[in-house]
C-alpha cells in the first residue's frame, strides 16, 4: 500500500499539535519537525504525540537521535547535515527506521548505500516553503526511484491531484506538510489523500 507521510509544523495549524495528531487516522508516518524548539520542549511535545498518534502510525523525530531514544520513537529522519546514517543506526540500535532527505541521484545513492530505510525526495512541485527555487520534477523523481533500491517518498507541493503522477513515477508514497497542518478539517484532508493514494496504486482499467 502506498504511504502517506505527514511532517509537522505547528506554526501552520490552528490546533495544538497533539490535538491535530489525534485526528490523523490513516497516515503511515508522522515526522516531528519543530526545529526551533529547545530540547526540553521538543521532548515534552514528543511524549504527548506518542500517546495520541494512531497505533499504526510510525512516529519519527527529525534529526534529534537523542529525543528519538528518549521517547522510544520508531526512528529518525535525517537531513544532509545530520548525523551520518551509520552513526544514527549504531546509536538507535536494531529495528529502528532511518530516513534521509535527498535532492538528487547522488545524494539518494549515497544514503541508500549508507543503510537508509527510505528517502524523502523533493521538492517535486512548486511549493511556498521553497519559494523561488525551481522544483525537481517528476523526471528526477522517476530517476531516483528507479536507481535506488529503497522506497522513495515524493515531497513538495503535493496535493491529492498530484498523488497519482508521483506513484506512476515510482514513488512509494507522498509526504505532505501544509496540506494537513493548515487544513481546517485534518481528518477529511487525510481521507482525501488516502483515497488518492488508493486510486493511484490501483488505477481503474
N, C-alpha and C. Protein backbone atom coordinates (compact mmCIF):
# COMPACT_ATOMS: atom_id res chain seq x y z
N UNK A 1 0.83 -1.19 0.00
CA UNK A 1 0.00 0.00 0.00
C UNK A 1 0.87 1.25 0.00
N UNK A 2 0.54 2.22 -0.82
CA UNK A 2 1.31 3.46 -0.90
C UNK A 2 1.20 4.24 0.41
N UNK A 3 2.30 4.91 0.77
CA UNK A 3 2.40 5.54 2.07
C UNK A 3 1.95 7.00 2.06
N UNK A 4 1.36 7.42 3.17
CA UNK A 4 1.07 8.82 3.44
C UNK A 4 1.92 9.24 4.64
N UNK A 5 2.77 10.22 4.39
CA UNK A 5 3.80 10.66 5.34
C UNK A 5 3.52 12.12 5.67
N UNK A 6 3.32 12.43 6.95
CA UNK A 6 2.98 13.78 7.37
C UNK A 6 4.13 14.38 8.18
N UNK A 7 4.49 15.62 7.85
CA UNK A 7 5.56 16.34 8.52
C UNK A 7 4.94 17.48 9.32
N UNK A 8 5.34 17.61 10.57
CA UNK A 8 4.73 18.61 11.43
C UNK A 8 5.27 20.01 11.17
N UNK A 9 4.41 21.00 11.44
CA UNK A 9 4.80 22.41 11.52
C UNK A 9 3.71 23.10 12.32
N UNK A 10 3.94 23.22 13.61
CA UNK A 10 2.86 23.71 14.47
C UNK A 10 2.54 25.18 14.22
N UNK A 11 3.38 25.89 13.49
CA UNK A 11 3.06 27.28 13.14
C UNK A 11 1.93 27.36 12.10
N UNK A 12 1.68 26.26 11.40
CA UNK A 12 0.66 26.27 10.36
C UNK A 12 -0.73 25.88 10.85
N UNK A 13 -0.80 25.18 11.96
CA UNK A 13 -2.07 24.61 12.38
C UNK A 13 -2.80 25.48 13.39
N UNK A 14 -4.11 25.45 13.31
CA UNK A 14 -4.94 26.20 14.25
C UNK A 14 -5.17 25.41 15.53
N UNK A 15 -4.73 24.17 15.57
CA UNK A 15 -4.94 23.30 16.72
C UNK A 15 -3.61 23.08 17.46
N UNK A 16 -3.66 22.78 18.75
CA UNK A 16 -2.47 22.22 19.38
C UNK A 16 -2.02 20.98 18.61
N UNK A 17 -0.74 20.79 18.47
CA UNK A 17 -0.25 19.73 17.59
C UNK A 17 -0.73 18.35 18.04
N UNK A 18 -0.83 18.14 19.34
CA UNK A 18 -1.28 16.83 19.81
C UNK A 18 -2.77 16.61 19.48
N UNK A 19 -3.56 17.69 19.42
CA UNK A 19 -4.96 17.55 19.03
C UNK A 19 -5.06 17.19 17.55
N UNK A 20 -4.29 17.88 16.73
CA UNK A 20 -4.27 17.55 15.30
C UNK A 20 -3.81 16.11 15.09
N UNK A 21 -2.75 15.71 15.78
CA UNK A 21 -2.19 14.37 15.58
C UNK A 21 -3.20 13.28 15.91
N UNK A 22 -4.07 13.55 16.86
CA UNK A 22 -5.07 12.54 17.24
C UNK A 22 -6.12 12.32 16.17
N UNK A 23 -6.16 13.22 15.16
CA UNK A 23 -7.15 13.12 14.09
C UNK A 23 -6.60 12.49 12.81
N UNK A 24 -5.40 11.95 12.87
CA UNK A 24 -4.70 11.55 11.65
C UNK A 24 -4.77 10.05 11.37
N UNK A 25 -5.88 9.44 11.71
CA UNK A 25 -6.07 8.01 11.39
C UNK A 25 -5.94 7.81 9.88
N UNK A 26 -5.07 6.87 9.50
CA UNK A 26 -4.88 6.59 8.07
C UNK A 26 -3.53 7.01 7.54
N UNK A 27 -2.73 7.73 8.36
CA UNK A 27 -1.39 8.07 7.89
C UNK A 27 -0.41 6.98 8.31
N UNK A 28 0.67 6.85 7.55
CA UNK A 28 1.64 5.79 7.81
C UNK A 28 2.83 6.26 8.63
N UNK A 29 3.23 7.52 8.41
CA UNK A 29 4.37 8.09 9.13
C UNK A 29 4.01 9.49 9.61
N UNK A 30 4.51 9.84 10.79
CA UNK A 30 4.41 11.21 11.29
C UNK A 30 5.80 11.63 11.74
N UNK A 31 6.31 12.68 11.10
CA UNK A 31 7.63 13.19 11.45
C UNK A 31 7.48 14.46 12.28
N UNK A 32 7.99 14.44 13.50
CA UNK A 32 8.01 15.63 14.34
C UNK A 32 9.21 16.49 13.93
N UNK A 33 8.89 17.63 13.32
CA UNK A 33 9.93 18.50 12.78
C UNK A 33 9.68 19.93 13.26
N UNK A 34 10.10 20.19 14.48
CA UNK A 34 9.94 21.52 15.07
C UNK A 34 11.32 22.02 15.48
N UNK A 35 12.06 22.48 14.50
CA UNK A 35 13.48 22.76 14.68
C UNK A 35 13.75 23.89 15.67
N UNK A 36 12.78 24.78 15.84
CA UNK A 36 13.03 25.94 16.70
C UNK A 36 12.84 25.62 18.18
N UNK A 37 12.28 24.48 18.51
CA UNK A 37 12.02 24.16 19.91
C UNK A 37 13.29 23.71 20.63
N UNK A 38 13.53 24.18 21.85
CA UNK A 38 14.63 23.64 22.64
C UNK A 38 14.35 22.19 23.01
N UNK A 39 15.39 21.50 23.42
CA UNK A 39 15.29 20.06 23.63
C UNK A 39 14.22 19.68 24.64
N UNK A 40 14.10 20.44 25.74
CA UNK A 40 13.13 20.06 26.76
C UNK A 40 11.69 20.19 26.25
N UNK A 41 11.42 21.23 25.45
CA UNK A 41 10.07 21.39 24.90
C UNK A 41 9.80 20.35 23.82
N UNK A 42 10.80 20.06 23.01
CA UNK A 42 10.63 19.05 21.97
C UNK A 42 10.36 17.69 22.60
N UNK A 43 11.06 17.37 23.66
CA UNK A 43 10.84 16.11 24.36
C UNK A 43 9.42 16.01 24.90
N UNK A 44 8.94 17.07 25.54
CA UNK A 44 7.59 17.03 26.11
C UNK A 44 6.54 16.90 25.01
N UNK A 45 6.74 17.63 23.91
CA UNK A 45 5.81 17.52 22.80
C UNK A 45 5.83 16.12 22.21
N UNK A 46 7.01 15.55 22.05
CA UNK A 46 7.12 14.19 21.51
C UNK A 46 6.40 13.18 22.39
N UNK A 47 6.49 13.35 23.70
CA UNK A 47 5.79 12.44 24.62
C UNK A 47 4.28 12.53 24.43
N UNK A 48 3.77 13.75 24.27
CA UNK A 48 2.33 13.93 24.04
C UNK A 48 1.89 13.28 22.74
N UNK A 49 2.68 13.50 21.68
CA UNK A 49 2.32 12.97 20.37
C UNK A 49 2.32 11.45 20.36
N UNK A 50 3.30 10.88 21.02
CA UNK A 50 3.39 9.41 21.03
C UNK A 50 2.15 8.78 21.64
N UNK A 51 1.52 9.48 22.57
CA UNK A 51 0.33 8.94 23.23
C UNK A 51 -0.92 9.02 22.36
N UNK A 52 -0.97 10.00 21.45
CA UNK A 52 -2.22 10.25 20.73
C UNK A 52 -2.19 9.84 19.26
N UNK A 53 -1.02 9.61 18.69
CA UNK A 53 -0.97 9.19 17.29
C UNK A 53 -1.63 7.83 17.12
N UNK A 54 -2.25 7.59 15.97
CA UNK A 54 -2.84 6.26 15.72
C UNK A 54 -1.81 5.15 15.92
N UNK A 55 -2.26 4.04 16.42
CA UNK A 55 -1.35 2.94 16.77
C UNK A 55 -0.57 2.42 15.58
N UNK A 56 -1.14 2.54 14.38
CA UNK A 56 -0.47 2.01 13.19
C UNK A 56 0.50 3.01 12.56
N UNK A 57 0.58 4.22 13.10
CA UNK A 57 1.45 5.25 12.53
C UNK A 57 2.85 5.14 13.10
N UNK A 58 3.85 5.17 12.24
CA UNK A 58 5.24 5.19 12.67
C UNK A 58 5.63 6.62 13.04
N UNK A 59 6.15 6.78 14.24
CA UNK A 59 6.49 8.10 14.78
C UNK A 59 7.99 8.33 14.66
N UNK A 60 8.36 9.36 13.88
CA UNK A 60 9.76 9.67 13.63
C UNK A 60 10.10 11.06 14.15
N UNK A 61 11.32 11.23 14.62
CA UNK A 61 11.80 12.53 15.09
C UNK A 61 12.80 13.06 14.07
N UNK A 62 12.61 14.31 13.68
CA UNK A 62 13.55 14.92 12.75
C UNK A 62 14.87 15.22 13.43
N UNK A 63 15.93 14.64 12.92
CA UNK A 63 17.32 15.00 13.24
C UNK A 63 17.79 14.57 14.63
N UNK A 64 16.92 14.65 15.64
CA UNK A 64 17.35 14.51 17.03
C UNK A 64 17.31 13.04 17.47
N UNK A 65 18.45 12.39 17.31
CA UNK A 65 18.56 10.99 17.73
C UNK A 65 18.34 10.86 19.23
N UNK A 66 18.80 11.85 19.99
CA UNK A 66 18.65 11.78 21.44
C UNK A 66 17.17 11.81 21.86
N UNK A 67 16.38 12.66 21.20
CA UNK A 67 14.95 12.72 21.53
C UNK A 67 14.26 11.42 21.11
N UNK A 68 14.63 10.90 19.95
CA UNK A 68 14.05 9.64 19.49
C UNK A 68 14.31 8.52 20.49
N UNK A 69 15.51 8.48 21.02
CA UNK A 69 15.84 7.48 22.03
C UNK A 69 15.05 7.71 23.31
N UNK A 70 14.96 8.96 23.72
CA UNK A 70 14.32 9.28 25.00
C UNK A 70 12.84 8.91 25.00
N UNK A 71 12.16 9.09 23.86
CA UNK A 71 10.72 8.80 23.83
C UNK A 71 10.41 7.45 23.19
N UNK A 72 11.46 6.71 22.82
CA UNK A 72 11.30 5.41 22.17
C UNK A 72 10.45 5.53 20.91
N UNK A 73 10.81 6.53 20.08
CA UNK A 73 10.14 6.69 18.79
C UNK A 73 10.50 5.54 17.87
N UNK A 74 9.80 5.46 16.76
CA UNK A 74 10.07 4.38 15.80
C UNK A 74 11.32 4.63 14.98
N UNK A 75 11.83 5.87 14.99
CA UNK A 75 13.05 6.15 14.25
C UNK A 75 13.30 7.63 14.11
N UNK A 76 14.21 7.97 13.21
CA UNK A 76 14.57 9.36 12.96
C UNK A 76 14.56 9.64 11.47
N UNK A 77 14.44 10.95 11.18
CA UNK A 77 14.62 11.39 9.81
C UNK A 77 15.79 12.35 9.78
N UNK A 78 16.72 12.12 8.86
CA UNK A 78 17.96 12.87 8.81
C UNK A 78 18.03 13.73 7.55
N UNK A 79 18.72 14.86 7.67
CA UNK A 79 19.00 15.71 6.53
C UNK A 79 20.43 15.53 6.06
N UNK A 80 20.82 16.34 5.10
CA UNK A 80 22.17 16.22 4.55
C UNK A 80 23.25 16.71 5.51
N UNK A 81 22.88 17.47 6.55
CA UNK A 81 23.86 17.94 7.52
C UNK A 81 23.66 17.28 8.89
N UNK A 82 22.91 16.20 8.93
CA UNK A 82 22.64 15.50 10.19
C UNK A 82 23.73 14.47 10.48
N UNK A 83 23.53 13.72 11.56
CA UNK A 83 24.36 12.56 11.85
C UNK A 83 24.47 11.68 10.61
N UNK A 84 25.62 11.06 10.38
CA UNK A 84 25.69 10.04 9.33
C UNK A 84 24.72 8.89 9.65
N UNK A 85 24.21 8.28 8.61
CA UNK A 85 23.24 7.20 8.79
C UNK A 85 23.80 6.08 9.65
N UNK A 86 25.05 5.69 9.40
CA UNK A 86 25.61 4.56 10.15
C UNK A 86 25.77 4.88 11.64
N UNK A 87 26.07 6.15 11.95
CA UNK A 87 26.18 6.55 13.36
C UNK A 87 24.80 6.53 14.02
N UNK A 88 23.80 7.06 13.33
CA UNK A 88 22.44 7.03 13.86
C UNK A 88 21.99 5.59 14.09
N UNK A 89 22.32 4.71 13.15
CA UNK A 89 21.94 3.30 13.29
C UNK A 89 22.59 2.69 14.52
N UNK A 90 23.85 3.00 14.74
CA UNK A 90 24.56 2.45 15.90
C UNK A 90 23.95 2.96 17.20
N UNK A 91 23.58 4.22 17.24
CA UNK A 91 23.00 4.80 18.45
C UNK A 91 21.60 4.29 18.72
N UNK A 92 20.80 4.15 17.67
CA UNK A 92 19.40 3.75 17.84
C UNK A 92 19.23 2.27 18.10
N UNK A 93 20.14 1.48 17.55
CA UNK A 93 20.02 0.05 17.69
C UNK A 93 19.17 -0.57 16.60
N UNK A 94 19.04 -1.88 16.62
CA UNK A 94 18.32 -2.57 15.54
C UNK A 94 16.82 -2.30 15.58
N UNK A 95 16.21 -2.42 14.41
CA UNK A 95 14.76 -2.34 14.34
C UNK A 95 14.19 -0.94 14.22
N UNK A 96 15.02 0.09 14.29
CA UNK A 96 14.53 1.45 14.16
C UNK A 96 14.60 1.91 12.70
N UNK A 97 13.73 2.85 12.35
CA UNK A 97 13.63 3.36 10.99
C UNK A 97 14.50 4.60 10.84
N UNK A 98 15.26 4.65 9.75
CA UNK A 98 16.07 5.84 9.45
C UNK A 98 15.77 6.29 8.03
N UNK A 99 15.28 7.52 7.90
CA UNK A 99 15.03 8.11 6.60
C UNK A 99 15.98 9.27 6.36
N UNK A 100 16.15 9.63 5.10
CA UNK A 100 17.05 10.71 4.73
C UNK A 100 16.40 11.59 3.66
N UNK A 101 16.53 12.90 3.81
CA UNK A 101 16.09 13.84 2.78
C UNK A 101 17.16 13.94 1.69
N UNK A 102 16.75 13.81 0.44
CA UNK A 102 17.69 13.90 -0.68
C UNK A 102 17.10 14.79 -1.77
N UNK A 103 18.00 15.31 -2.60
CA UNK A 103 17.59 16.27 -3.62
C UNK A 103 18.06 15.91 -5.02
N UNK A 104 18.88 14.86 -5.12
CA UNK A 104 19.36 14.43 -6.43
C UNK A 104 19.80 12.97 -6.33
N UNK A 105 20.17 12.42 -7.46
CA UNK A 105 20.52 10.99 -7.52
C UNK A 105 21.75 10.68 -6.69
N UNK A 106 22.75 11.55 -6.71
CA UNK A 106 23.98 11.30 -5.96
C UNK A 106 23.69 11.18 -4.47
N UNK A 107 22.94 12.14 -3.92
CA UNK A 107 22.58 12.07 -2.51
C UNK A 107 21.75 10.83 -2.22
N UNK A 108 20.86 10.48 -3.12
CA UNK A 108 20.00 9.31 -2.91
C UNK A 108 20.81 8.02 -2.87
N UNK A 109 21.72 7.86 -3.81
CA UNK A 109 22.54 6.65 -3.84
C UNK A 109 23.44 6.56 -2.61
N UNK A 110 23.98 7.70 -2.19
CA UNK A 110 24.84 7.72 -1.01
C UNK A 110 24.06 7.30 0.23
N UNK A 111 22.85 7.82 0.39
CA UNK A 111 22.04 7.48 1.56
C UNK A 111 21.62 6.02 1.54
N UNK A 112 21.26 5.52 0.37
CA UNK A 112 20.87 4.11 0.26
C UNK A 112 22.04 3.19 0.61
N UNK A 113 23.23 3.52 0.11
CA UNK A 113 24.41 2.70 0.41
C UNK A 113 24.78 2.75 1.89
N UNK A 114 24.47 3.89 2.53
CA UNK A 114 24.78 4.03 3.96
C UNK A 114 23.82 3.27 4.85
N UNK A 115 22.71 2.80 4.28
CA UNK A 115 21.79 1.98 5.04
C UNK A 115 20.47 2.64 5.41
N UNK A 116 20.11 3.74 4.73
CA UNK A 116 18.82 4.36 4.99
C UNK A 116 17.69 3.40 4.62
N UNK A 117 16.57 3.53 5.33
CA UNK A 117 15.41 2.67 5.07
C UNK A 117 14.48 3.25 4.01
N UNK A 118 14.46 4.58 3.91
CA UNK A 118 13.63 5.24 2.90
C UNK A 118 14.24 6.61 2.62
N UNK A 119 13.80 7.24 1.53
CA UNK A 119 14.25 8.57 1.17
C UNK A 119 13.05 9.50 0.98
N UNK A 120 13.19 10.75 1.41
CA UNK A 120 12.26 11.80 1.03
C UNK A 120 12.93 12.58 -0.10
N UNK A 121 12.31 12.60 -1.27
CA UNK A 121 12.88 13.30 -2.42
C UNK A 121 12.02 14.52 -2.74
N UNK A 122 12.69 15.66 -2.86
CA UNK A 122 11.93 16.87 -3.19
C UNK A 122 12.86 18.05 -3.41
N UNK A 123 12.19 19.18 -3.69
CA UNK A 123 10.75 19.28 -3.82
C UNK A 123 10.36 18.98 -5.27
N UNK A 124 9.30 18.20 -5.41
CA UNK A 124 8.89 17.71 -6.72
C UNK A 124 8.11 18.79 -7.49
N UNK A 125 7.21 19.48 -6.80
CA UNK A 125 6.39 20.52 -7.41
C UNK A 125 6.67 21.86 -6.72
N UNK A 126 6.27 22.97 -7.35
CA UNK A 126 6.45 24.28 -6.69
C UNK A 126 5.74 24.29 -5.33
N UNK A 127 6.38 24.94 -4.35
CA UNK A 127 5.80 24.99 -3.02
C UNK A 127 6.21 26.28 -2.34
N UNK A 128 5.32 26.82 -1.51
CA UNK A 128 5.60 28.07 -0.82
C UNK A 128 6.80 27.95 0.11
N UNK A 129 7.04 26.76 0.66
CA UNK A 129 8.16 26.59 1.58
C UNK A 129 9.51 26.65 0.88
N UNK A 130 9.51 26.52 -0.45
CA UNK A 130 10.76 26.62 -1.24
C UNK A 130 10.58 27.68 -2.32
N UNK A 131 9.98 28.79 -1.94
CA UNK A 131 9.64 29.83 -2.90
C UNK A 131 10.89 30.33 -3.62
N UNK A 132 10.80 30.40 -4.96
CA UNK A 132 11.91 30.89 -5.76
C UNK A 132 12.86 29.81 -6.22
N UNK A 133 12.76 28.62 -5.63
CA UNK A 133 13.62 27.51 -6.03
C UNK A 133 12.87 26.63 -7.03
N UNK A 134 13.48 26.33 -8.16
CA UNK A 134 12.77 25.52 -9.16
C UNK A 134 12.52 24.10 -8.64
N UNK A 135 11.36 23.54 -8.92
CA UNK A 135 11.09 22.16 -8.48
C UNK A 135 11.94 21.17 -9.26
N UNK A 136 12.15 20.01 -8.65
CA UNK A 136 12.98 18.99 -9.30
C UNK A 136 12.18 18.12 -10.26
N UNK A 137 10.89 18.09 -10.09
CA UNK A 137 10.03 17.49 -11.09
C UNK A 137 9.92 15.99 -11.05
N UNK A 138 8.97 15.49 -11.85
CA UNK A 138 8.68 14.06 -11.88
C UNK A 138 9.76 13.25 -12.57
N UNK A 139 10.45 13.84 -13.54
CA UNK A 139 11.51 13.11 -14.25
C UNK A 139 12.64 12.74 -13.30
N UNK A 140 13.05 13.70 -12.46
CA UNK A 140 14.11 13.40 -11.49
C UNK A 140 13.63 12.45 -10.41
N UNK A 141 12.37 12.58 -10.01
CA UNK A 141 11.80 11.62 -9.07
C UNK A 141 11.86 10.22 -9.64
N UNK A 142 11.48 10.08 -10.89
CA UNK A 142 11.47 8.76 -11.52
C UNK A 142 12.88 8.18 -11.60
N UNK A 143 13.86 9.02 -11.91
CA UNK A 143 15.25 8.53 -11.99
C UNK A 143 15.72 8.01 -10.64
N UNK A 144 15.45 8.76 -9.59
CA UNK A 144 15.88 8.34 -8.25
C UNK A 144 15.15 7.06 -7.85
N UNK A 145 13.84 7.02 -8.05
CA UNK A 145 13.06 5.84 -7.65
C UNK A 145 13.52 4.59 -8.40
N UNK A 146 13.94 4.77 -9.66
CA UNK A 146 14.36 3.63 -10.48
C UNK A 146 15.75 3.12 -10.10
N UNK A 147 16.62 4.02 -9.63
CA UNK A 147 18.02 3.66 -9.47
C UNK A 147 18.46 3.38 -8.03
N UNK A 148 17.59 3.59 -7.06
CA UNK A 148 17.93 3.21 -5.69
C UNK A 148 17.05 2.03 -5.29
N UNK A 149 17.55 1.23 -4.40
CA UNK A 149 16.83 0.01 -4.06
C UNK A 149 15.98 0.11 -2.82
N UNK A 150 15.66 1.32 -2.39
CA UNK A 150 14.83 1.51 -1.20
C UNK A 150 13.66 2.43 -1.54
N UNK A 151 12.61 2.45 -0.71
CA UNK A 151 11.46 3.29 -1.03
C UNK A 151 11.80 4.78 -1.10
N UNK A 152 11.18 5.45 -2.06
CA UNK A 152 11.34 6.89 -2.24
C UNK A 152 9.97 7.54 -2.08
N UNK A 153 9.89 8.55 -1.22
CA UNK A 153 8.64 9.25 -0.95
C UNK A 153 8.74 10.65 -1.56
N UNK A 154 7.75 11.02 -2.34
CA UNK A 154 7.75 12.32 -3.01
C UNK A 154 7.30 13.42 -2.06
N UNK A 155 8.02 14.53 -2.09
CA UNK A 155 7.78 15.65 -1.18
C UNK A 155 7.76 16.96 -1.96
N UNK A 156 6.89 17.88 -1.54
CA UNK A 156 6.94 19.23 -2.08
C UNK A 156 5.80 19.55 -3.02
N UNK A 157 4.86 20.37 -2.55
CA UNK A 157 3.74 20.77 -3.39
C UNK A 157 2.76 19.67 -3.71
N UNK A 158 2.70 18.66 -2.86
CA UNK A 158 1.83 17.51 -3.13
C UNK A 158 0.40 17.84 -2.75
N UNK A 159 -0.51 17.62 -3.70
CA UNK A 159 -1.94 17.72 -3.48
C UNK A 159 -2.55 16.37 -3.85
N UNK A 160 -3.80 16.12 -3.50
CA UNK A 160 -4.41 14.85 -3.91
C UNK A 160 -4.34 14.63 -5.43
N UNK A 161 -4.48 15.68 -6.22
CA UNK A 161 -4.44 15.54 -7.67
C UNK A 161 -3.06 15.16 -8.19
N UNK A 162 -2.04 15.41 -7.40
CA UNK A 162 -0.67 15.12 -7.83
C UNK A 162 -0.15 13.79 -7.30
N UNK A 163 -0.96 13.09 -6.55
CA UNK A 163 -0.53 11.81 -5.98
C UNK A 163 -0.26 10.78 -7.06
N UNK A 164 -1.21 10.61 -7.96
CA UNK A 164 -1.07 9.54 -8.97
C UNK A 164 0.17 9.71 -9.85
N UNK A 165 0.46 10.92 -10.36
CA UNK A 165 1.71 11.07 -11.14
C UNK A 165 2.95 10.69 -10.35
N UNK A 166 2.96 10.97 -9.05
CA UNK A 166 4.12 10.59 -8.23
C UNK A 166 4.25 9.07 -8.13
N UNK A 167 3.13 8.40 -7.92
CA UNK A 167 3.18 6.94 -7.85
C UNK A 167 3.58 6.34 -9.20
N UNK A 168 3.07 6.92 -10.27
CA UNK A 168 3.43 6.43 -11.61
C UNK A 168 4.91 6.64 -11.91
N UNK A 169 5.51 7.64 -11.27
CA UNK A 169 6.95 7.88 -11.43
C UNK A 169 7.79 6.95 -10.58
N UNK A 170 7.14 6.14 -9.76
CA UNK A 170 7.88 5.16 -8.97
C UNK A 170 7.94 5.43 -7.49
N UNK A 171 7.32 6.53 -7.03
CA UNK A 171 7.33 6.82 -5.60
C UNK A 171 6.54 5.78 -4.82
N UNK A 172 7.00 5.49 -3.62
CA UNK A 172 6.29 4.56 -2.74
C UNK A 172 5.22 5.25 -1.92
N UNK A 173 5.15 6.57 -2.03
CA UNK A 173 4.16 7.32 -1.30
C UNK A 173 4.44 8.80 -1.44
N UNK A 174 3.68 9.61 -0.69
CA UNK A 174 3.86 11.06 -0.73
C UNK A 174 3.96 11.61 0.68
N UNK A 175 4.69 12.72 0.79
CA UNK A 175 4.84 13.42 2.07
C UNK A 175 4.21 14.79 1.95
N UNK A 176 3.51 15.19 3.00
CA UNK A 176 2.82 16.49 3.00
C UNK A 176 3.05 17.20 4.32
N UNK A 177 3.03 18.52 4.25
CA UNK A 177 3.10 19.33 5.46
C UNK A 177 1.87 20.23 5.53
N UNK A 178 1.87 21.31 4.76
CA UNK A 178 0.80 22.31 4.88
C UNK A 178 -0.57 21.75 4.53
N UNK A 179 -0.63 20.79 3.61
CA UNK A 179 -1.92 20.24 3.19
C UNK A 179 -2.66 19.59 4.35
N UNK A 180 -1.94 19.14 5.35
CA UNK A 180 -2.56 18.57 6.55
C UNK A 180 -2.47 19.54 7.71
N UNK A 181 -1.30 20.14 7.91
CA UNK A 181 -1.11 21.03 9.05
C UNK A 181 -2.04 22.24 9.01
N UNK A 182 -2.27 22.79 7.83
CA UNK A 182 -3.09 24.00 7.71
C UNK A 182 -4.55 23.70 7.40
N UNK A 183 -4.90 22.44 7.33
CA UNK A 183 -6.28 22.08 6.98
C UNK A 183 -7.25 22.45 8.09
N UNK A 184 -8.42 22.95 7.71
CA UNK A 184 -9.45 23.25 8.70
C UNK A 184 -9.98 21.95 9.31
N UNK A 185 -10.06 20.92 8.48
CA UNK A 185 -10.54 19.61 8.95
C UNK A 185 -9.48 18.56 8.59
N UNK A 186 -8.51 18.37 9.46
CA UNK A 186 -7.40 17.45 9.15
C UNK A 186 -7.85 16.02 8.83
N UNK A 187 -8.86 15.54 9.53
CA UNK A 187 -9.33 14.17 9.29
C UNK A 187 -9.81 14.00 7.85
N UNK A 188 -10.54 15.00 7.35
CA UNK A 188 -11.03 14.93 5.98
C UNK A 188 -9.89 15.08 4.97
N UNK A 189 -8.91 15.89 5.30
CA UNK A 189 -7.75 16.06 4.42
C UNK A 189 -6.99 14.75 4.28
N UNK A 190 -6.82 14.04 5.40
CA UNK A 190 -6.16 12.73 5.34
C UNK A 190 -6.96 11.78 4.46
N UNK A 191 -8.27 11.78 4.60
CA UNK A 191 -9.12 10.89 3.82
C UNK A 191 -8.96 11.14 2.33
N UNK A 192 -8.89 12.41 1.92
CA UNK A 192 -8.72 12.74 0.50
C UNK A 192 -7.39 12.20 -0.03
N UNK A 193 -6.33 12.34 0.75
CA UNK A 193 -5.04 11.81 0.32
C UNK A 193 -5.06 10.28 0.29
N UNK A 194 -5.70 9.69 1.29
CA UNK A 194 -5.76 8.23 1.33
C UNK A 194 -6.50 7.68 0.12
N UNK A 195 -7.59 8.34 -0.25
CA UNK A 195 -8.34 7.91 -1.43
C UNK A 195 -7.51 8.08 -2.70
N UNK A 196 -6.80 9.19 -2.79
CA UNK A 196 -5.95 9.42 -3.96
C UNK A 196 -4.83 8.39 -4.05
N UNK A 197 -4.26 8.04 -2.91
CA UNK A 197 -3.21 7.02 -2.90
C UNK A 197 -3.76 5.66 -3.32
N UNK A 198 -4.92 5.32 -2.84
CA UNK A 198 -5.52 4.02 -3.21
C UNK A 198 -5.86 3.97 -4.69
N UNK A 199 -6.38 5.06 -5.22
CA UNK A 199 -6.73 5.10 -6.64
C UNK A 199 -5.47 5.11 -7.50
N UNK A 200 -4.43 5.79 -7.04
CA UNK A 200 -3.19 5.84 -7.80
C UNK A 200 -2.45 4.52 -7.82
N UNK A 201 -2.58 3.79 -6.72
CA UNK A 201 -1.91 2.48 -6.62
C UNK A 201 -2.67 1.43 -7.41
N UNK A 202 -4.00 1.55 -7.45
CA UNK A 202 -4.82 0.58 -8.14
C UNK A 202 -5.68 1.30 -9.18
N UNK A 203 -5.06 1.80 -10.26
CA UNK A 203 -5.81 2.57 -11.24
C UNK A 203 -6.90 1.76 -11.89
N UNK A 204 -8.01 2.42 -12.17
CA UNK A 204 -9.11 1.73 -12.84
C UNK A 204 -8.73 1.42 -14.28
N UNK A 205 -9.19 0.31 -14.79
CA UNK A 205 -8.84 -0.10 -16.15
C UNK A 205 -9.77 0.56 -17.17
